Amino acid sequence: MSTFRSDRGFTLLEVLIAIAIFAVASIVSLQAYLSSLRHIQIITEEKNIILLSRLKIEELKTEKSREEREQSGKFNEPFEQYEWSLELSDSSVRDTEYGITFTPYRLTVGSGNLRFSTLTPFLSIIKEETAERIE
């Protein structure tokens, strides 16, 4: 007479090993996911800072005099967490024929610990009376 033995289930040791392997794989996957999220945030902030810098440079080019310029400030919504500052150089280059003064400057835009500086070669300042001669 033969005895029939059925091995239909897993042993406790097999279940514990499977849970341990799943836990390790889950932790590694979670760390990779969180790292990817942080990189996406950093890239998004860098993109916003560069775009805001370009926007501010174009805005500064349209202003006519040094007196009209603010030296620092914050951007409007939805970018109110970003700040900017402008440092004009003490030296300028002047075109006497057209009355245009070119001033080197550094524009810094940032948020929290992340900063982006751009050195723009020249910012032109046109006096009102000579602006009519140019046109």
N, C-alpha and C. Protein backbone atom coordinates (compact mmCIF):
# COMPACT_ATOMS: atom_id res chain seq x y z
N MET A 1 0.83 -1.16 0.00
CA MET A 1 0.00 0.00 0.00
C MET A 1 0.89 1.25 0.00
N SER A 2 0.69 2.07 -0.95
CA SER A 2 1.49 3.28 -1.07
C SER A 2 0.76 4.45 -0.43
N THR A 3 1.53 5.30 0.18
CA THR A 3 0.93 6.49 0.77
C THR A 3 1.05 7.64 -0.22
N PHE A 4 0.01 8.32 -0.39
CA PHE A 4 -0.03 9.45 -1.32
C PHE A 4 0.12 10.72 -0.51
N ARG A 5 1.19 11.45 -0.80
CA ARG A 5 1.44 12.69 -0.08
C ARG A 5 1.30 13.85 -1.05
N SER A 6 0.53 14.83 -0.67
CA SER A 6 0.27 15.97 -1.55
C SER A 6 1.09 17.17 -1.07
N ASP A 7 1.92 17.71 -1.96
CA ASP A 7 2.70 18.93 -1.67
C ASP A 7 2.08 20.09 -2.45
N ARG A 8 0.99 20.55 -1.96
CA ARG A 8 0.29 21.60 -2.70
C ARG A 8 0.66 23.01 -2.27
N GLY A 9 1.22 23.28 -1.17
CA GLY A 9 1.47 24.63 -0.69
C GLY A 9 2.95 24.96 -0.62
N PHE A 10 3.24 26.23 -0.24
CA PHE A 10 4.60 26.68 -0.05
C PHE A 10 4.96 26.53 1.41
N THR A 11 6.21 26.34 1.66
CA THR A 11 6.67 26.28 3.05
C THR A 11 6.82 27.71 3.56
N LEU A 12 6.89 27.83 4.87
CA LEU A 12 7.04 29.14 5.49
C LEU A 12 8.35 29.81 5.05
N LEU A 13 9.39 29.05 4.90
CA LEU A 13 10.68 29.59 4.47
C LEU A 13 10.60 30.16 3.05
N GLU A 14 9.93 29.48 2.17
CA GLU A 14 9.77 29.96 0.79
C GLU A 14 8.97 31.27 0.75
N VAL A 15 7.95 31.36 1.55
CA VAL A 15 7.14 32.59 1.62
C VAL A 15 7.97 33.74 2.16
N LEU A 16 8.74 33.51 3.21
CA LEU A 16 9.57 34.57 3.80
C LEU A 16 10.64 35.05 2.81
N ILE A 17 11.25 34.15 2.08
CA ILE A 17 12.26 34.54 1.08
C ILE A 17 11.61 35.36 -0.03
N ALA A 18 10.43 34.97 -0.49
CA ALA A 18 9.73 35.73 -1.53
C ALA A 18 9.38 37.13 -1.05
N ILE A 19 8.92 37.27 0.20
CA ILE A 19 8.59 38.58 0.76
C ILE A 19 9.84 39.44 0.87
N ALA A 20 10.96 38.87 1.28
CA ALA A 20 12.21 39.63 1.41
C ALA A 20 12.68 40.13 0.04
N ILE A 21 12.62 39.28 -0.96
CA ILE A 21 13.02 39.69 -2.32
C ILE A 21 12.10 40.80 -2.82
N PHE A 22 10.81 40.68 -2.59
CA PHE A 22 9.85 41.71 -3.02
C PHE A 22 10.11 43.03 -2.29
N ALA A 23 10.45 42.97 -0.98
CA ALA A 23 10.72 44.19 -0.20
C ALA A 23 11.96 44.91 -0.72
N VAL A 24 13.01 44.17 -1.01
CA VAL A 24 14.24 44.78 -1.52
C VAL A 24 13.99 45.42 -2.89
N ALA A 25 13.28 44.72 -3.76
CA ALA A 25 12.97 45.26 -5.09
C ALA A 25 12.10 46.50 -4.98
N SER A 26 11.16 46.51 -4.04
CA SER A 26 10.27 47.66 -3.85
C SER A 26 11.05 48.87 -3.35
N ILE A 27 11.97 48.67 -2.43
CA ILE A 27 12.76 49.78 -1.88
C ILE A 27 13.65 50.39 -2.97
N VAL A 28 14.28 49.56 -3.76
CA VAL A 28 15.13 50.06 -4.86
C VAL A 28 14.30 50.83 -5.87
N SER A 29 13.14 50.32 -6.21
CA SER A 29 12.25 51.00 -7.17
C SER A 29 11.76 52.33 -6.62
N LEU A 30 11.41 52.37 -5.34
CA LEU A 30 10.93 53.61 -4.72
C LEU A 30 12.03 54.67 -4.70
N GLN A 31 13.25 54.27 -4.38
CA GLN A 31 14.36 55.23 -4.37
C GLN A 31 14.62 55.79 -5.77
N ALA A 32 14.56 54.95 -6.77
CA ALA A 32 14.75 55.42 -8.15
C ALA A 32 13.64 56.38 -8.55
N TYR A 33 12.42 56.08 -8.15
CA TYR A 33 11.28 56.95 -8.47
C TYR A 33 11.42 58.31 -7.79
N LEU A 34 11.77 58.32 -6.51
CA LEU A 34 11.93 59.58 -5.79
C LEU A 34 13.09 60.41 -6.34
N SER A 35 14.16 59.74 -6.74
CA SER A 35 15.29 60.43 -7.35
C SER A 35 14.89 61.06 -8.68
N SER A 36 14.10 60.35 -9.46
CA SER A 36 13.61 60.89 -10.74
C SER A 36 12.72 62.10 -10.52
N LEU A 37 11.87 62.04 -9.52
CA LEU A 37 11.00 63.19 -9.22
C LEU A 37 11.82 64.42 -8.85
N ARG A 38 12.86 64.24 -8.06
CA ARG A 38 13.70 65.37 -7.65
C ARG A 38 14.43 65.95 -8.87
N HIS A 39 14.92 65.09 -9.76
CA HIS A 39 15.58 65.59 -10.97
C HIS A 39 14.60 66.35 -11.86
N ILE A 40 13.38 65.89 -11.94
CA ILE A 40 12.37 66.59 -12.74
C ILE A 40 12.09 67.97 -12.14
N GLN A 41 12.03 68.06 -10.81
CA GLN A 41 11.81 69.36 -10.16
C GLN A 41 12.97 70.31 -10.44
N ILE A 42 14.19 69.82 -10.36
CA ILE A 42 15.35 70.67 -10.60
C ILE A 42 15.38 71.15 -12.04
N ILE A 43 15.10 70.27 -12.98
CA ILE A 43 15.10 70.64 -14.40
C ILE A 43 14.00 71.65 -14.69
N THR A 44 12.83 71.47 -14.07
CA THR A 44 11.73 72.42 -14.26
C THR A 44 12.10 73.78 -13.71
N GLU A 45 12.73 73.83 -12.53
CA GLU A 45 13.15 75.11 -11.96
C GLU A 45 14.20 75.78 -12.84
N GLU A 46 15.16 75.00 -13.34
CA GLU A 46 16.18 75.57 -14.22
C GLU A 46 15.55 76.13 -15.50
N LYS A 47 14.61 75.41 -16.06
CA LYS A 47 13.93 75.87 -17.28
C LYS A 47 13.18 77.17 -16.99
N ASN A 48 12.46 77.23 -15.87
CA ASN A 48 11.72 78.44 -15.52
C ASN A 48 12.66 79.61 -15.31
N ILE A 49 13.78 79.38 -14.64
CA ILE A 49 14.73 80.46 -14.37
C ILE A 49 15.33 81.00 -15.68
N ILE A 50 15.67 80.13 -16.59
CA ILE A 50 16.24 80.57 -17.87
C ILE A 50 15.20 81.35 -18.67
N LEU A 51 13.96 80.85 -18.72
CA LEU A 51 12.91 81.56 -19.45
C LEU A 51 12.60 82.91 -18.81
N LEU A 52 12.56 82.97 -17.48
CA LEU A 52 12.31 84.24 -16.80
C LEU A 52 13.46 85.21 -17.02
N SER A 53 14.69 84.69 -17.10
CA SER A 53 15.85 85.56 -17.38
C SER A 53 15.72 86.19 -18.76
N ARG A 54 15.36 85.38 -19.74
CA ARG A 54 15.18 85.92 -21.09
C ARG A 54 14.06 86.95 -21.13
N LEU A 55 12.98 86.67 -20.43
CA LEU A 55 11.86 87.61 -20.37
C LEU A 55 12.29 88.93 -19.74
N LYS A 56 13.06 88.86 -18.64
CA LYS A 56 13.50 90.07 -17.96
C LYS A 56 14.49 90.85 -18.82
N ILE A 57 15.35 90.16 -19.55
CA ILE A 57 16.30 90.86 -20.44
C ILE A 57 15.55 91.63 -21.51
N GLU A 58 14.54 91.01 -22.11
CA GLU A 58 13.75 91.71 -23.13
C GLU A 58 13.01 92.89 -22.52
N GLU A 59 12.52 92.73 -21.29
CA GLU A 59 11.83 93.83 -20.62
C GLU A 59 12.80 94.97 -20.34
N LEU A 60 14.02 94.65 -19.93
CA LEU A 60 15.01 95.69 -19.65
C LEU A 60 15.43 96.42 -20.91
N LYS A 61 15.45 95.74 -22.03
CA LYS A 61 15.84 96.39 -23.30
C LYS A 61 14.82 97.43 -23.74
N THR A 62 13.57 97.29 -23.33
CA THR A 62 12.54 98.25 -23.76
C THR A 62 12.53 99.51 -22.92
N GLU A 63 13.11 99.48 -21.71
CA GLU A 63 13.13 100.66 -20.87
C GLU A 63 14.19 101.63 -21.38
N LYS A 64 13.93 102.92 -21.25
CA LYS A 64 14.79 103.90 -21.89
C LYS A 64 15.90 104.46 -21.00
N SER A 65 15.66 104.60 -19.71
CA SER A 65 16.68 105.25 -18.89
C SER A 65 17.03 104.41 -17.67
N ARG A 66 18.17 104.73 -17.12
CA ARG A 66 18.65 104.01 -15.94
C ARG A 66 17.75 104.27 -14.74
N GLU A 67 17.16 105.45 -14.68
CA GLU A 67 16.31 105.82 -13.54
C GLU A 67 15.03 104.99 -13.49
N GLU A 68 14.53 104.55 -14.64
CA GLU A 68 13.30 103.77 -14.69
C GLU A 68 13.51 102.35 -14.18
N ARG A 69 14.74 101.90 -14.15
CA ARG A 69 15.02 100.50 -13.84
C ARG A 69 15.00 100.23 -12.35
N GLU A 70 14.32 99.17 -11.99
CA GLU A 70 14.43 98.66 -10.63
C GLU A 70 15.69 97.82 -10.58
N GLN A 71 16.26 97.67 -9.40
CA GLN A 71 17.49 96.89 -9.26
C GLN A 71 17.21 95.45 -8.83
N SER A 72 16.01 95.20 -8.29
CA SER A 72 15.66 93.84 -7.90
C SER A 72 14.15 93.76 -7.73
N GLY A 73 13.65 92.53 -7.66
CA GLY A 73 12.21 92.37 -7.48
C GLY A 73 11.80 90.91 -7.63
N LYS A 74 10.49 90.71 -7.62
CA LYS A 74 9.92 89.38 -7.80
C LYS A 74 9.08 89.38 -9.06
N PHE A 75 8.92 88.21 -9.65
CA PHE A 75 8.09 88.07 -10.83
C PHE A 75 6.63 87.95 -10.42
N ASN A 76 5.74 88.22 -11.37
CA ASN A 76 4.30 88.12 -11.13
C ASN A 76 3.86 86.66 -11.12
N GLU A 77 2.61 86.45 -10.75
CA GLU A 77 2.05 85.10 -10.74
C GLU A 77 2.12 84.48 -12.12
N PRO A 78 2.34 83.26 -12.27
CA PRO A 78 2.47 82.18 -11.29
C PRO A 78 3.91 81.94 -10.87
N PHE A 79 4.80 82.91 -11.07
CA PHE A 79 6.22 82.74 -10.77
C PHE A 79 6.65 83.62 -9.61
N GLU A 80 5.78 83.83 -8.63
CA GLU A 80 6.11 84.73 -7.53
C GLU A 80 7.21 84.20 -6.62
N GLN A 81 7.56 82.93 -6.70
CA GLN A 81 8.65 82.38 -5.87
C GLN A 81 10.02 82.71 -6.45
N TYR A 82 10.06 83.25 -7.66
CA TYR A 82 11.34 83.58 -8.31
C TYR A 82 11.66 85.06 -8.11
N GLU A 83 12.93 85.33 -7.79
CA GLU A 83 13.40 86.71 -7.59
C GLU A 83 14.46 87.03 -8.65
N TRP A 84 14.64 88.32 -8.91
CA TRP A 84 15.66 88.75 -9.85
C TRP A 84 16.40 89.94 -9.27
N SER A 85 17.65 90.10 -9.69
CA SER A 85 18.42 91.29 -9.31
C SER A 85 19.28 91.71 -10.49
N LEU A 86 19.50 92.99 -10.61
CA LEU A 86 20.23 93.57 -11.73
C LEU A 86 21.41 94.34 -11.18
N GLU A 87 22.59 94.07 -11.71
CA GLU A 87 23.79 94.80 -11.34
C GLU A 87 24.36 95.46 -12.58
N LEU A 88 24.23 96.78 -12.65
CA LEU A 88 24.80 97.52 -13.78
C LEU A 88 26.26 97.82 -13.51
N SER A 89 27.06 97.78 -14.55
CA SER A 89 28.48 98.10 -14.42
C SER A 89 28.66 99.61 -14.27
N ASP A 90 29.76 99.98 -13.65
CA ASP A 90 30.06 101.41 -13.50
C ASP A 90 30.55 102.02 -14.80
N SER A 91 31.14 101.21 -15.65
CA SER A 91 31.67 101.74 -16.92
C SER A 91 30.64 101.56 -18.03
N SER A 92 30.63 102.50 -18.94
CA SER A 92 29.71 102.48 -20.07
C SER A 92 30.43 102.87 -21.33
N VAL A 93 29.84 102.50 -22.46
CA VAL A 93 30.35 102.91 -23.75
C VAL A 93 29.32 103.84 -24.36
N ARG A 94 29.75 105.01 -24.82
CA ARG A 94 28.80 106.00 -25.33
C ARG A 94 29.04 106.26 -26.81
N ASP A 95 27.95 106.23 -27.56
CA ASP A 95 27.99 106.59 -28.98
C ASP A 95 27.54 108.05 -29.04
N THR A 96 28.48 108.96 -29.29
CA THR A 96 28.17 110.39 -29.26
C THR A 96 27.34 110.84 -30.45
N GLU A 97 27.44 110.15 -31.56
CA GLU A 97 26.68 110.56 -32.73
C GLU A 97 25.18 110.40 -32.53
N TYR A 98 24.79 109.29 -31.96
CA TYR A 98 23.36 109.03 -31.76
C TYR A 98 22.92 109.21 -30.31
N GLY A 99 23.83 109.46 -29.40
CA GLY A 99 23.47 109.68 -28.01
C GLY A 99 23.03 108.40 -27.30
N ILE A 100 23.60 107.29 -27.68
CA ILE A 100 23.23 106.02 -27.05
C ILE A 100 24.35 105.58 -26.13
N THR A 101 23.99 105.17 -24.94
CA THR A 101 24.96 104.66 -23.98
C THR A 101 24.71 103.17 -23.79
N PHE A 102 25.77 102.38 -23.90
CA PHE A 102 25.68 100.94 -23.69
C PHE A 102 26.34 100.60 -22.36
N THR A 103 25.61 99.90 -21.50
CA THR A 103 26.11 99.56 -20.18
C THR A 103 26.11 98.05 -19.97
N PRO A 104 27.24 97.46 -19.63
CA PRO A 104 27.24 96.02 -19.31
C PRO A 104 26.49 95.78 -18.01
N TYR A 105 25.84 94.63 -17.90
CA TYR A 105 25.11 94.32 -16.68
C TYR A 105 25.06 92.82 -16.45
N ARG A 106 24.74 92.45 -15.21
CA ARG A 106 24.56 91.05 -14.83
C ARG A 106 23.16 90.92 -14.23
N LEU A 107 22.40 90.00 -14.81
CA LEU A 107 21.06 89.71 -14.32
C LEU A 107 21.09 88.35 -13.63
N THR A 108 20.61 88.30 -12.38
CA THR A 108 20.56 87.06 -11.63
C THR A 108 19.12 86.75 -11.30
N VAL A 109 18.68 85.55 -11.66
CA VAL A 109 17.32 85.09 -11.36
C VAL A 109 17.46 83.82 -10.54
N GLY A 110 16.63 83.70 -9.49
CA GLY A 110 16.75 82.51 -8.66
C GLY A 110 15.52 82.23 -7.85
N SER A 111 15.54 81.04 -7.26
CA SER A 111 14.48 80.57 -6.39
C SER A 111 15.10 79.68 -5.34
N GLY A 112 15.02 80.07 -4.08
CA GLY A 112 15.62 79.24 -3.03
C GLY A 112 17.13 79.18 -3.19
N ASN A 113 17.67 77.99 -3.27
CA ASN A 113 19.12 77.81 -3.41
C ASN A 113 19.58 77.82 -4.86
N LEU A 114 18.65 77.74 -5.79
CA LEU A 114 18.99 77.64 -7.21
C LEU A 114 19.07 79.04 -7.82
N ARG A 115 20.23 79.39 -8.38
CA ARG A 115 20.44 80.72 -8.98
C ARG A 115 20.96 80.55 -10.40
N PHE A 116 20.62 81.52 -11.24
CA PHE A 116 21.11 81.55 -12.61
C PHE A 116 21.54 82.97 -12.91
N SER A 117 22.78 83.15 -13.31
CA SER A 117 23.28 84.47 -13.67
C SER A 117 23.61 84.50 -15.14
N THR A 118 23.30 85.62 -15.73
CA THR A 118 23.67 85.80 -17.12
C THR A 118 24.33 87.17 -17.27
N LEU A 119 25.46 87.17 -17.90
CA LEU A 119 26.16 88.42 -18.17
C LEU A 119 25.79 88.84 -19.58
N THR A 120 25.02 89.90 -19.66
CA THR A 120 24.62 90.40 -20.97
C THR A 120 25.58 91.52 -21.33
N PRO A 121 26.13 91.48 -22.52
CA PRO A 121 27.19 92.42 -22.86
C PRO A 121 26.80 93.89 -22.67
N PHE A 122 25.67 94.29 -23.24
CA PHE A 122 25.35 95.71 -23.15
C PHE A 122 23.85 95.92 -23.09
N LEU A 123 23.48 96.93 -22.36
CA LEU A 123 22.10 97.39 -22.27
C LEU A 123 22.11 98.83 -22.75
N SER A 124 21.31 99.14 -23.75
CA SER A 124 21.38 100.48 -24.32
C SER A 124 20.44 101.42 -23.59
N ILE A 125 20.91 102.62 -23.40
CA ILE A 125 20.12 103.68 -22.79
C ILE A 125 20.08 104.81 -23.80
N ILE A 126 18.90 105.11 -24.31
CA ILE A 126 18.75 106.14 -25.34
C ILE A 126 18.10 107.36 -24.71
N LYS A 127 18.70 108.51 -24.92
CA LYS A 127 18.09 109.74 -24.43
C LYS A 127 16.95 110.13 -25.36
N GLU A 128 15.94 110.75 -24.82
CA GLU A 128 14.71 111.06 -25.56
C GLU A 128 14.97 111.95 -26.78
N GLU A 129 15.81 112.97 -26.64
CA GLU A 129 15.99 113.91 -27.75
C GLU A 129 16.74 113.27 -28.92
N THR A 130 17.61 112.31 -28.66
CA THR A 130 18.33 111.68 -29.76
C THR A 130 17.58 110.49 -30.32
N ALA A 131 16.60 109.99 -29.61
CA ALA A 131 15.83 108.84 -30.11
C ALA A 131 15.05 109.22 -31.36
N GLU A 132 14.63 110.49 -31.45
CA GLU A 132 13.89 110.94 -32.63
C GLU A 132 14.80 110.99 -33.85
N ARG A 133 16.09 111.31 -33.66
CA ARG A 133 17.02 111.36 -34.78
C ARG A 133 17.28 109.99 -35.37
N ILE A 134 17.26 108.96 -34.53
CA ILE A 134 17.53 107.61 -34.99
C ILE A 134 16.41 107.13 -35.91
N GLU A 135 15.18 107.42 -35.53
CA GLU A 135 14.03 106.97 -36.32
C GLU A 135 13.95 107.78 -37.57
